[in-house]
Each structure stands twice: as C-alpha cells, then as structure tokens.
N, C-alpha and C. Protein backbone atom coordinates (compact mmCIF):
# COMPACT_ATOMS: atom_id res chain seq x y z
N UNK A 1 33.51 110.50 160.09
CA UNK A 1 32.32 110.96 159.39
C UNK A 1 32.14 110.23 158.07
N UNK A 2 33.24 109.98 157.37
CA UNK A 2 33.16 109.31 156.08
C UNK A 2 32.62 107.89 156.22
N UNK A 3 33.02 107.19 157.28
CA UNK A 3 32.56 105.82 157.49
C UNK A 3 31.09 105.77 157.89
N UNK A 4 30.55 106.85 158.37
CA UNK A 4 29.17 106.91 158.83
C UNK A 4 28.21 107.27 157.70
N UNK A 5 28.64 108.07 156.75
CA UNK A 5 27.76 108.61 155.72
C UNK A 5 27.41 107.59 154.63
N UNK A 6 28.38 106.86 154.11
CA UNK A 6 28.14 105.97 152.98
C UNK A 6 27.20 104.80 153.28
N UNK A 7 27.28 104.17 154.45
CA UNK A 7 26.28 103.12 154.73
C UNK A 7 24.84 103.65 154.79
N UNK A 8 24.67 104.83 155.34
CA UNK A 8 23.33 105.42 155.40
C UNK A 8 22.83 105.73 153.99
N UNK A 9 23.68 106.31 153.16
CA UNK A 9 23.29 106.58 151.78
C UNK A 9 23.06 105.28 151.01
N UNK A 10 23.81 104.24 151.32
CA UNK A 10 23.61 102.94 150.68
C UNK A 10 22.25 102.34 151.00
N UNK A 11 21.85 102.44 152.26
CA UNK A 11 20.53 101.94 152.66
C UNK A 11 19.43 102.76 152.00
N UNK A 12 19.62 104.08 151.95
CA UNK A 12 18.65 104.95 151.29
C UNK A 12 18.55 104.62 149.80
N UNK A 13 19.67 104.30 149.17
CA UNK A 13 19.69 103.90 147.77
C UNK A 13 18.89 102.63 147.55
N UNK A 14 19.08 101.64 148.41
CA UNK A 14 18.33 100.39 148.28
C UNK A 14 16.84 100.64 148.44
N UNK A 15 16.47 101.49 149.39
CA UNK A 15 15.05 101.83 149.60
C UNK A 15 14.47 102.51 148.35
N UNK A 16 15.22 103.45 147.78
CA UNK A 16 14.73 104.14 146.58
C UNK A 16 14.59 103.17 145.40
N UNK A 17 15.54 102.26 145.26
CA UNK A 17 15.45 101.29 144.17
C UNK A 17 14.25 100.36 144.34
N UNK A 18 13.93 100.02 145.57
CA UNK A 18 12.75 99.19 145.83
C UNK A 18 11.47 99.97 145.55
N UNK A 19 11.43 101.23 145.96
CA UNK A 19 10.24 102.05 145.74
C UNK A 19 9.98 102.25 144.25
N UNK A 20 11.02 102.49 143.48
CA UNK A 20 10.88 102.76 142.05
C UNK A 20 11.14 101.51 141.21
N UNK A 21 10.77 100.35 141.69
CA UNK A 21 11.06 99.08 141.06
C UNK A 21 10.27 98.84 139.79
N UNK A 22 9.04 99.26 139.70
CA UNK A 22 8.09 98.80 138.68
C UNK A 22 8.34 99.30 137.26
N UNK A 23 8.78 100.52 137.08
CA UNK A 23 8.85 101.06 135.72
C UNK A 23 10.21 101.73 135.47
N UNK A 24 10.45 102.02 134.21
CA UNK A 24 11.67 102.74 133.85
C UNK A 24 11.56 104.16 134.38
N UNK A 25 12.62 104.63 135.02
CA UNK A 25 12.61 105.98 135.55
C UNK A 25 14.04 106.47 135.75
N UNK A 26 14.16 107.69 136.22
CA UNK A 26 15.47 108.31 136.37
C UNK A 26 16.28 107.68 137.51
N UNK A 27 15.62 107.09 138.49
CA UNK A 27 16.34 106.47 139.60
C UNK A 27 17.17 105.28 139.10
N UNK A 28 16.54 104.41 138.33
CA UNK A 28 17.27 103.26 137.79
C UNK A 28 18.28 103.67 136.73
N UNK A 29 17.95 104.69 135.96
CA UNK A 29 18.91 105.20 134.98
C UNK A 29 20.14 105.79 135.64
N UNK A 30 19.93 106.54 136.72
CA UNK A 30 21.05 107.09 137.48
C UNK A 30 21.89 106.00 138.13
N UNK A 31 21.23 104.96 138.63
CA UNK A 31 21.93 103.83 139.22
C UNK A 31 22.84 103.16 138.18
N UNK A 32 22.29 102.91 137.01
CA UNK A 32 23.05 102.26 135.94
C UNK A 32 24.22 103.13 135.50
N UNK A 33 23.95 104.40 135.29
CA UNK A 33 25.01 105.31 134.86
C UNK A 33 26.09 105.45 135.95
N UNK A 34 25.66 105.47 137.20
CA UNK A 34 26.62 105.54 138.30
C UNK A 34 27.53 104.33 138.35
N UNK A 35 26.98 103.15 138.10
CA UNK A 35 27.81 101.94 138.08
C UNK A 35 28.80 102.00 136.93
N UNK A 36 28.35 102.44 135.76
CA UNK A 36 29.25 102.51 134.60
C UNK A 36 30.38 103.50 134.86
N UNK A 37 30.04 104.68 135.36
CA UNK A 37 31.07 105.69 135.64
C UNK A 37 31.99 105.22 136.75
N UNK A 38 31.43 104.60 137.79
CA UNK A 38 32.27 104.07 138.87
C UNK A 38 33.22 102.99 138.38
N UNK A 39 32.75 102.15 137.47
CA UNK A 39 33.60 101.10 136.91
C UNK A 39 34.75 101.71 136.09
N UNK A 40 34.43 102.73 135.32
CA UNK A 40 35.49 103.40 134.53
C UNK A 40 36.53 104.02 135.44
N UNK A 41 36.07 104.69 136.51
CA UNK A 41 37.02 105.32 137.44
C UNK A 41 37.84 104.25 138.16
N UNK A 42 37.21 103.14 138.55
CA UNK A 42 37.94 102.06 139.22
C UNK A 42 39.00 101.46 138.30
N UNK A 43 38.68 101.32 137.03
CA UNK A 43 39.67 100.79 136.07
C UNK A 43 40.82 101.78 135.90
N UNK A 44 40.51 103.08 135.88
CA UNK A 44 41.58 104.07 135.80
C UNK A 44 42.48 104.01 137.02
N UNK A 45 41.90 103.82 138.20
CA UNK A 45 42.71 103.66 139.42
C UNK A 45 43.59 102.42 139.33
N UNK A 46 43.07 101.36 138.71
CA UNK A 46 43.84 100.14 138.55
C UNK A 46 45.07 100.40 137.68
N UNK A 47 44.90 101.14 136.61
CA UNK A 47 46.03 101.42 135.72
C UNK A 47 47.02 102.40 136.34
N UNK A 48 46.58 103.22 137.28
CA UNK A 48 47.50 104.14 137.97
C UNK A 48 48.34 103.41 139.01
N UNK A 49 47.96 102.17 139.31
CA UNK A 49 48.72 101.41 140.29
C UNK A 49 48.17 101.47 141.69
N UNK A 50 46.97 102.03 141.86
CA UNK A 50 46.39 102.14 143.20
C UNK A 50 45.46 100.97 143.52
N UNK A 51 45.29 100.05 142.61
CA UNK A 51 44.47 98.87 142.84
C UNK A 51 43.02 99.10 142.43
N UNK A 52 42.31 98.00 142.25
CA UNK A 52 40.91 98.04 141.85
C UNK A 52 40.06 98.14 143.11
N UNK A 53 39.30 99.22 143.24
CA UNK A 53 38.53 99.48 144.45
C UNK A 53 37.04 99.36 144.14
N UNK A 54 36.40 98.34 144.72
CA UNK A 54 34.96 98.14 144.51
C UNK A 54 34.13 99.23 145.17
N UNK A 55 34.66 99.88 146.20
CA UNK A 55 33.91 100.94 146.87
C UNK A 55 33.66 102.12 145.95
N UNK A 56 34.54 102.34 144.99
CA UNK A 56 34.33 103.43 144.02
C UNK A 56 33.11 103.13 143.16
N UNK A 57 32.92 101.88 142.78
CA UNK A 57 31.75 101.50 142.00
C UNK A 57 30.49 101.68 142.84
N UNK A 58 30.55 101.28 144.10
CA UNK A 58 29.41 101.45 144.99
C UNK A 58 29.06 102.91 145.21
N UNK A 59 30.08 103.72 145.41
CA UNK A 59 29.84 105.15 145.60
C UNK A 59 29.26 105.78 144.34
N UNK A 60 29.72 105.35 143.18
CA UNK A 60 29.16 105.83 141.92
C UNK A 60 27.69 105.45 141.79
N UNK A 61 27.36 104.23 142.18
CA UNK A 61 25.97 103.77 142.12
C UNK A 61 25.09 104.56 143.08
N UNK A 62 25.61 104.83 144.27
CA UNK A 62 24.85 105.61 145.25
C UNK A 62 24.61 107.03 144.75
N UNK A 63 25.66 107.67 144.27
CA UNK A 63 25.52 109.04 143.79
C UNK A 63 24.62 109.11 142.56
N UNK A 64 24.74 108.15 141.66
CA UNK A 64 23.89 108.13 140.48
C UNK A 64 22.42 107.95 140.84
N UNK A 65 22.15 107.10 141.82
CA UNK A 65 20.77 106.89 142.26
C UNK A 65 20.20 108.16 142.88
N UNK A 66 20.99 108.83 143.70
CA UNK A 66 20.53 110.08 144.33
C UNK A 66 20.25 111.15 143.28
N UNK A 67 21.11 111.27 142.31
CA UNK A 67 20.91 112.25 141.24
C UNK A 67 19.66 111.89 140.43
N UNK A 68 19.47 110.59 140.16
CA UNK A 68 18.28 110.15 139.46
C UNK A 68 17.01 110.44 140.26
N UNK A 69 17.07 110.29 141.58
CA UNK A 69 15.91 110.58 142.42
C UNK A 69 15.58 112.07 142.38
N UNK A 70 16.59 112.91 142.41
CA UNK A 70 16.36 114.35 142.31
C UNK A 70 15.73 114.70 140.96
N UNK A 71 16.22 114.06 139.89
CA UNK A 71 15.64 114.29 138.56
C UNK A 71 14.19 113.84 138.52
N UNK A 72 13.90 112.71 139.15
CA UNK A 72 12.52 112.19 139.20
C UNK A 72 11.61 113.15 139.98
N UNK A 73 12.13 113.68 141.09
CA UNK A 73 11.34 114.65 141.87
C UNK A 73 11.09 115.93 141.08
N UNK A 74 12.09 116.41 140.38
CA UNK A 74 11.91 117.62 139.57
C UNK A 74 10.87 117.40 138.48
N UNK A 75 10.85 116.22 137.90
CA UNK A 75 9.84 115.90 136.89
C UNK A 75 8.44 115.90 137.48
N UNK A 76 8.29 115.33 138.67
CA UNK A 76 6.97 115.31 139.32
C UNK A 76 6.53 116.70 139.73
N UNK A 77 7.46 117.50 140.21
CA UNK A 77 7.13 118.89 140.56
C UNK A 77 6.72 119.66 139.32
N UNK A 78 7.43 119.46 138.23
CA UNK A 78 7.09 120.13 136.98
C UNK A 78 5.70 119.73 136.50
N UNK A 79 5.38 118.44 136.58
CA UNK A 79 4.04 117.98 136.19
C UNK A 79 2.96 118.60 137.05
N UNK A 80 3.21 118.70 138.36
CA UNK A 80 2.18 119.28 139.24
C UNK A 80 2.03 120.78 138.98
N UNK A 81 3.09 121.47 138.64
CA UNK A 81 3.00 122.90 138.31
C UNK A 81 2.21 123.08 137.01
N UNK A 82 2.47 122.24 136.02
CA UNK A 82 1.71 122.32 134.76
C UNK A 82 0.24 122.06 134.98
N UNK A 83 -0.10 121.08 135.82
CA UNK A 83 -1.49 120.78 136.09
C UNK A 83 -2.18 121.91 136.83
N UNK A 84 -1.46 122.59 137.72
CA UNK A 84 -2.08 123.69 138.47
C UNK A 84 -2.26 124.92 137.59
N UNK A 85 -1.41 125.11 136.59
CA UNK A 85 -1.57 126.25 135.67
C UNK A 85 -2.71 126.03 134.68
N UNK A 86 -2.97 124.79 134.33
CA UNK A 86 -4.05 124.49 133.37
C UNK A 86 -5.40 124.75 134.01
N UNK A 87 -5.59 124.44 135.26
CA UNK A 87 -6.88 124.61 135.92
C UNK A 87 -7.15 126.01 136.21
C-alpha cells in the first residue's frame, strides 16, 4: 500500500503545482515549506547514522503541497461565504 500511495500523491502534487503556477499562493508556499522541513528531517536522519534519504524530502514536498491546497480551498470557501452574506 505504501508503494502505491506516494506516486499517486506525487502526480497529484505536480498537477496542483501546474494549476497554481501563475501567482503566489498557499500551494507553492506549502511546497517550499515541505521541502525545507523534509531537508531538515533528512539531515537529522543523516546524523543519526541512517543515511540521507531523498524520499523524505519528496514526501515533505508532497505533504506541504497538499496542506497548502487545503489552505487555498479554505480561503476560497471563506471568500464565497463572505460574498453570499453581503448580498
């Protein structure tokens, strides 16, 4: 199951990054933060003696992008609720 889930999420991440390409948004911010956190965790694994694992950086990027997409959706939902209350 683990080998099946990450490639699908990786493809979904690439699609989201392409869709949200034009402007600054939470998807790209989550992607960047995910890479930074994944890199920190990978470096910690290196110092523990378990080796430097690039998959940890990739998983961090995927999770960060998904969290950013959820944040972007919540922002759009909030905007639509505000617009419906004003009318």
